[in-house]
């Protein structure tokens, strides 16, 4: 039986942080960098736990997303992963369903970047059809390589957002989206 727990980064023990990082390294073989890890820290962590072990994870961090000139306090989802031994058992879905609740409880808007759209669409997330940008100063820079990868969760204050408008995020190291 799986249990779901939500912690801020500061509430996690050193051992639990190390366990989550090992899970991410197993799930993203050769593809989860130190910068990716840094992006997942500083917000909330949704843990799916079986037998005392973390078997799935999703992080929600705060980001400033701008859509057509409107700044939104966004819950940005990072580091969604399931232990390879437990994939296709609904564990990742449980983590992401709880992460979606975290976004809706504390933010105006949800956003994430992925190549696995159907997984998120089942949970109410939508593909962003407009152009993507990053803000690095006075003029946003186009991030055309990220077009089609961004997904959003519209609700409450953001439910009328136009999915074809320009969207931008603040700059950060590594993958900006």
C-alpha atoms as a PDB file:
ATOM      1  CA  UNK A   1       0.000   0.000   0.000  1.00  0.00           C
ATOM      2  CA  UNK A   2       1.398   3.371  -1.022  1.00  0.00           C
ATOM      3  CA  UNK A   3       1.205   6.474   1.131  1.00  0.00           C
ATOM      4  CA  UNK A   4       1.600  10.022  -0.133  1.00  0.00           C
ATOM      5  CA  UNK A   5       3.455  12.639   1.878  1.00  0.00           C
ATOM      6  CA  UNK A   6       4.192  16.283   1.061  1.00  0.00           C
ATOM      7  CA  UNK A   7       7.146  18.165   2.510  1.00  0.00           C
ATOM      8  CA  UNK A   8       8.938  21.420   1.827  1.00  0.00           C
ATOM      9  CA  UNK A   9      12.598  21.024   0.940  1.00  0.00           C
ATOM     10  CA  UNK A  10      13.525  22.341   4.393  1.00  0.00           C
ATOM     11  CA  UNK A  11      11.391  19.707   6.125  1.00  0.00           C
ATOM     12  CA  UNK A  12      13.135  16.776   4.438  1.00  0.00           C
ATOM     13  CA  UNK A  13      15.823  14.907   6.326  1.00  0.00           C
ATOM     14  CA  UNK A  14      19.285  14.672   4.785  1.00  0.00           C
ATOM     15  CA  UNK A  15      18.706  10.953   4.271  1.00  0.00           C
ATOM     16  CA  UNK A  16      15.388  11.493   2.506  1.00  0.00           C
ATOM     17  CA  UNK A  17      16.938  14.136   0.227  1.00  0.00           C
ATOM     18  CA  UNK A  18      19.684  11.674  -0.730  1.00  0.00           C
ATOM     19  CA  UNK A  19      17.078   8.950  -1.339  1.00  0.00           C
ATOM     20  CA  UNK A  20      15.076  11.226  -3.662  1.00  0.00           C
ATOM     21  CA  UNK A  21      18.205  12.139  -5.613  1.00  0.00           C
ATOM     22  CA  UNK A  22      19.110   8.445  -6.036  1.00  0.00           C
ATOM     23  CA  UNK A  23      15.565   7.767  -7.282  1.00  0.00           C
ATOM     24  CA  UNK A  24      15.869  10.561  -9.846  1.00  0.00           C
ATOM     25  CA  UNK A  25      19.241   9.266 -11.022  1.00  0.00           C
ATOM     26  CA  UNK A  26      17.756   5.758 -11.510  1.00  0.00           C
ATOM     27  CA  UNK A  27      14.664   7.049 -13.288  1.00  0.00           C
ATOM     28  CA  UNK A  28      16.539   9.448 -15.610  1.00  0.00           C
ATOM     29  CA  UNK A  29      19.463   7.219 -16.547  1.00  0.00           C
ATOM     30  CA  UNK A  30      22.283   9.559 -17.566  1.00  0.00           C
ATOM     31  CA  UNK A  31      19.878  12.457 -17.964  1.00  0.00           C
ATOM     32  CA  UNK A  32      19.318  14.024 -14.538  1.00  0.00           C
ATOM     33  CA  UNK A  33      21.912  16.727 -13.913  1.00  0.00           C
ATOM     34  CA  UNK A  34      22.945  18.702 -10.849  1.00  0.00           C
ATOM     35  CA  UNK A  35      21.183  21.709 -12.414  1.00  0.00           C
ATOM     36  CA  UNK A  36      17.989  19.661 -12.792  1.00  0.00           C
ATOM     37  CA  UNK A  37      18.286  18.765  -9.105  1.00  0.00           C
ATOM     38  CA  UNK A  38      18.749  22.425  -8.132  1.00  0.00           C
ATOM     39  CA  UNK A  39      15.581  23.284 -10.065  1.00  0.00           C
ATOM     40  CA  UNK A  40      13.614  20.791  -7.934  1.00  0.00           C
ATOM     41  CA  UNK A  41      14.671  22.315  -4.604  1.00  0.00           C
ATOM     42  CA  UNK A  42      13.075  25.123  -2.609  1.00  0.00           C
ATOM     43  CA  UNK A  43       9.425  24.200  -2.904  1.00  0.00           C
ATOM     44  CA  UNK A  44       7.265  21.202  -2.089  1.00  0.00           C
ATOM     45  CA  UNK A  45       8.105  17.544  -2.655  1.00  0.00           C
ATOM     46  CA  UNK A  46       5.400  14.952  -3.164  1.00  0.00           C
ATOM     47  CA  UNK A  47       6.637  11.527  -2.118  1.00  0.00           C
ATOM     48  CA  UNK A  48       4.942   8.216  -2.819  1.00  0.00           C
ATOM     49  CA  UNK A  49       6.227   5.794  -0.220  1.00  0.00           C
ATOM     50  CA  UNK A  50       5.948   1.995  -0.217  1.00  0.00           C
ATOM     51  CA  UNK A  51       7.485  -0.038   2.592  1.00  0.00           C
ATOM     52  CA  UNK A  52       9.274   3.046   3.900  1.00  0.00           C
ATOM     53  CA  UNK A  53      10.990   3.735   0.561  1.00  0.00           C
ATOM     54  CA  UNK A  54      10.348   6.633  -1.825  1.00  0.00           C
ATOM     55  CA  UNK A  55       9.136   5.037  -5.068  1.00  0.00           C
ATOM     56  CA  UNK A  56       7.825   8.146  -6.854  1.00  0.00           C
ATOM     57  CA  UNK A  57       8.442  11.884  -6.582  1.00  0.00           C
ATOM     58  CA  UNK A  58       7.279  15.230  -7.950  1.00  0.00           C
ATOM     59  CA  UNK A  59       8.434  18.705  -6.920  1.00  0.00           C
ATOM     60  CA  UNK A  60       6.502  21.970  -7.135  1.00  0.00           C
ATOM     61  CA  UNK A  61       8.559  25.162  -7.074  1.00  0.00           C
ATOM     62  CA  UNK A  62       7.535  28.799  -7.391  1.00  0.00           C
ATOM     63  CA  UNK A  63       8.250  30.556 -10.685  1.00  0.00           C
ATOM     64  CA  UNK A  64       7.207  33.827 -12.280  1.00  0.00           C
ATOM     65  CA  UNK A  65       5.573  32.984 -15.597  1.00  0.00           C
ATOM     66  CA  UNK A  66       4.415  35.748 -17.904  1.00  0.00           C
ATOM     67  CA  UNK A  67       1.624  35.212 -20.418  1.00  0.00           C
ATOM     68  CA  UNK A  68       0.842  38.017 -22.870  1.00  0.00           C
ATOM     69  CA  UNK A  69       2.272  40.580 -20.448  1.00  0.00           C
ATOM     70  CA  UNK A  70       0.488  39.169 -17.366  1.00  0.00           C
ATOM     71  CA  UNK A  71       2.676  37.894 -14.523  1.00  0.00           C
ATOM     72  CA  UNK A  72       1.436  34.734 -12.855  1.00  0.00           C
ATOM     73  CA  UNK A  73       2.622  33.130  -9.625  1.00  0.00           C
ATOM     74  CA  UNK A  74       3.129  29.648 -11.031  1.00  0.00           C
ATOM     75  CA  UNK A  75       3.600  26.302  -9.397  1.00  0.00           C
ATOM     76  CA  UNK A  76       6.218  24.778 -11.675  1.00  0.00           C
ATOM     77  CA  UNK A  77       6.485  20.997 -11.608  1.00  0.00           C
ATOM     78  CA  UNK A  78       9.956  19.466 -11.660  1.00  0.00           C
ATOM     79  CA  UNK A  79      11.617  16.085 -11.162  1.00  0.00           C
ATOM     80  CA  UNK A  80       8.621  13.806 -11.721  1.00  0.00           C
ATOM     81  CA  UNK A  81       9.909  10.263 -11.505  1.00  0.00           C
ATOM     82  CA  UNK A  82       9.023   6.715 -10.547  1.00  0.00           C
ATOM     83  CA  UNK A  83      11.501   4.038  -9.607  1.00  0.00           C
ATOM     84  CA  UNK A  84      11.985   1.883 -12.731  1.00  0.00           C
ATOM     85  CA  UNK A  85      10.935  -1.218 -10.761  1.00  0.00           C
ATOM     86  CA  UNK A  86       7.565   0.384  -9.973  1.00  0.00           C
ATOM     87  CA  UNK A  87       6.705   1.984 -13.288  1.00  0.00           C
ATOM     88  CA  UNK A  88       3.309   1.337 -14.873  1.00  0.00           C
ATOM     89  CA  UNK A  89       1.726   0.741 -11.445  1.00  0.00           C
ATOM     90  CA  UNK A  90       0.126   4.188 -11.067  1.00  0.00           C
ATOM     91  CA  UNK A  91       2.716   5.481  -8.605  1.00  0.00           C
ATOM     92  CA  UNK A  92       3.781   8.397 -10.802  1.00  0.00           C
ATOM     93  CA  UNK A  93       0.130   9.250 -11.391  1.00  0.00           C
ATOM     94  CA  UNK A  94      -0.416   9.380  -7.619  1.00  0.00           C
ATOM     95  CA  UNK A  95       2.574  11.715  -7.204  1.00  0.00           C
ATOM     96  CA  UNK A  96       1.458  13.967 -10.035  1.00  0.00           C
ATOM     97  CA  UNK A  97      -2.185  14.057  -8.897  1.00  0.00           C
ATOM     98  CA  UNK A  98      -1.028  15.304  -5.482  1.00  0.00           C
ATOM     99  CA  UNK A  99       1.403  17.771  -7.107  1.00  0.00           C
ATOM    100  CA  UNK A 100      -1.544  19.120  -9.106  1.00  0.00           C
ATOM    101  CA  UNK A 101      -3.456  19.655  -5.839  1.00  0.00           C
ATOM    102  CA  UNK A 102      -0.414  21.488  -4.397  1.00  0.00           C
ATOM    103  CA  UNK A 103      -0.369  23.779  -7.448  1.00  0.00           C
ATOM    104  CA  UNK A 104      -4.086  24.507  -7.236  1.00  0.00           C
ATOM    105  CA  UNK A 105      -3.929  25.219  -3.494  1.00  0.00           C
ATOM    106  CA  UNK A 106      -1.041  27.672  -3.558  1.00  0.00           C
ATOM    107  CA  UNK A 107      -0.596  29.204  -6.996  1.00  0.00           C
ATOM    108  CA  UNK A 108      -2.409  31.029  -9.810  1.00  0.00           C
ATOM    109  CA  UNK A 109      -1.247  28.734 -12.596  1.00  0.00           C
ATOM    110  CA  UNK A 110       0.652  25.510 -13.174  1.00  0.00           C
ATOM    111  CA  UNK A 111       3.438  24.886 -15.679  1.00  0.00           C
ATOM    112  CA  UNK A 112       5.958  22.190 -16.571  1.00  0.00           C
ATOM    113  CA  UNK A 113       8.049  20.998 -19.481  1.00  0.00           C
ATOM    114  CA  UNK A 114       7.907  17.445 -20.792  1.00  0.00           C
ATOM    115  CA  UNK A 115       8.137  15.160 -23.768  1.00  0.00           C
ATOM    116  CA  UNK A 116       5.451  12.856 -22.300  1.00  0.00           C
ATOM    117  CA  UNK A 117       2.258  14.827 -22.852  1.00  0.00           C
ATOM    118  CA  UNK A 118      -0.354  12.088 -22.489  1.00  0.00           C
ATOM    119  CA  UNK A 119       0.676  11.325 -18.905  1.00  0.00           C
ATOM    120  CA  UNK A 120      -0.066  14.907 -17.836  1.00  0.00           C
ATOM    121  CA  UNK A 121      -3.095  15.430 -20.083  1.00  0.00           C
ATOM    122  CA  UNK A 122      -4.904  12.650 -18.191  1.00  0.00           C
ATOM    123  CA  UNK A 123      -4.567  14.828 -15.090  1.00  0.00           C
ATOM    124  CA  UNK A 124      -5.990  18.013 -16.644  1.00  0.00           C
ATOM    125  CA  UNK A 125      -2.775  19.620 -17.916  1.00  0.00           C
ATOM    126  CA  UNK A 126      -2.844  21.196 -21.390  1.00  0.00           C
ATOM    127  CA  UNK A 127      -0.220  21.687 -24.085  1.00  0.00           C
ATOM    128  CA  UNK A 128       0.924  25.255 -24.602  1.00  0.00           C
ATOM    129  CA  UNK A 129       0.429  26.144 -28.281  1.00  0.00           C
ATOM    130  CA  UNK A 130       1.991  29.618 -28.254  1.00  0.00           C
ATOM    131  CA  UNK A 131       5.638  30.626 -28.615  1.00  0.00           C
ATOM    132  CA  UNK A 132       7.989  30.232 -25.643  1.00  0.00           C
ATOM    133  CA  UNK A 133      10.528  32.766 -24.356  1.00  0.00           C
ATOM    134  CA  UNK A 134      12.986  33.286 -21.520  1.00  0.00           C
ATOM    135  CA  UNK A 135      13.478  36.631 -19.774  1.00  0.00           C
ATOM    136  CA  UNK A 136      17.170  37.558 -19.461  1.00  0.00           C
ATOM    137  CA  UNK A 137      16.967  41.317 -19.312  1.00  0.00           C
ATOM    138  CA  UNK A 138      15.099  43.984 -21.219  1.00  0.00           C
ATOM    139  CA  UNK A 139      13.946  41.784 -24.115  1.00  0.00           C
ATOM    140  CA  UNK A 140      12.706  38.216 -23.876  1.00  0.00           C
ATOM    141  CA  UNK A 141      14.689  35.675 -25.920  1.00  0.00           C
ATOM    142  CA  UNK A 142      12.882  33.131 -28.053  1.00  0.00           C
ATOM    143  CA  UNK A 143      13.198  29.499 -26.942  1.00  0.00           C
ATOM    144  CA  UNK A 144      11.792  27.812 -30.036  1.00  0.00           C
ATOM    145  CA  UNK A 145      13.301  24.457 -29.019  1.00  0.00           C
ATOM    146  CA  UNK A 146      10.881  24.463 -26.064  1.00  0.00           C
ATOM    147  CA  UNK A 147       7.792  25.073 -28.211  1.00  0.00           C
ATOM    148  CA  UNK A 148       5.469  22.105 -27.817  1.00  0.00           C
ATOM    149  CA  UNK A 149       7.133  20.912 -24.584  1.00  0.00           C
ATOM    150  CA  UNK A 150       5.466  23.307 -22.137  1.00  0.00           C
ATOM    151  CA  UNK A 151       2.243  22.211 -20.483  1.00  0.00           C
ATOM    152  CA  UNK A 152       0.031  24.273 -18.203  1.00  0.00           C
ATOM    153  CA  UNK A 153      -2.717  23.868 -15.670  1.00  0.00           C
ATOM    154  CA  UNK A 154      -5.357  26.593 -15.947  1.00  0.00           C
ATOM    155  CA  UNK A 155      -7.795  27.117 -13.075  1.00  0.00           C
ATOM    156  CA  UNK A 156      -9.382  29.924 -11.077  1.00  0.00           C
ATOM    157  CA  UNK A 157      -7.453  33.131 -11.816  1.00  0.00           C
ATOM    158  CA  UNK A 158      -5.814  31.618 -14.899  1.00  0.00           C
ATOM    159  CA  UNK A 159      -8.651  29.602 -16.437  1.00  0.00           C
ATOM    160  CA  UNK A 160      -9.189  32.082 -19.306  1.00  0.00           C
ATOM    161  CA  UNK A 161      -5.496  32.264 -20.302  1.00  0.00           C
ATOM    162  CA  UNK A 162      -5.046  31.977 -24.088  1.00  0.00           C
ATOM    163  CA  UNK A 163      -3.004  28.832 -24.870  1.00  0.00           C
ATOM    164  CA  UNK A 164      -1.727  30.442 -28.081  1.00  0.00           C
ATOM    165  CA  UNK A 165      -0.279  33.597 -26.494  1.00  0.00           C
ATOM    166  CA  UNK A 166       3.420  34.151 -25.874  1.00  0.00           C
ATOM    167  CA  UNK A 167       4.675  32.648 -22.610  1.00  0.00           C
ATOM    168  CA  UNK A 168       7.942  33.406 -20.836  1.00  0.00           C
ATOM    169  CA  UNK A 169       9.841  32.289 -17.769  1.00  0.00           C
ATOM    170  CA  UNK A 170      12.696  33.887 -15.864  1.00  0.00           C
ATOM    171  CA  UNK A 171      16.210  32.783 -16.759  1.00  0.00           C
ATOM    172  CA  UNK A 172      17.966  30.106 -14.741  1.00  0.00           C
ATOM    173  CA  UNK A 173      20.975  27.855 -15.245  1.00  0.00           C
ATOM    174  CA  UNK A 174      20.535  24.727 -17.320  1.00  0.00           C
ATOM    175  CA  UNK A 175      17.195  24.130 -18.978  1.00  0.00           C
ATOM    176  CA  UNK A 176      15.224  27.354 -18.695  1.00  0.00           C
ATOM    177  CA  UNK A 177      11.920  25.516 -19.077  1.00  0.00           C
END
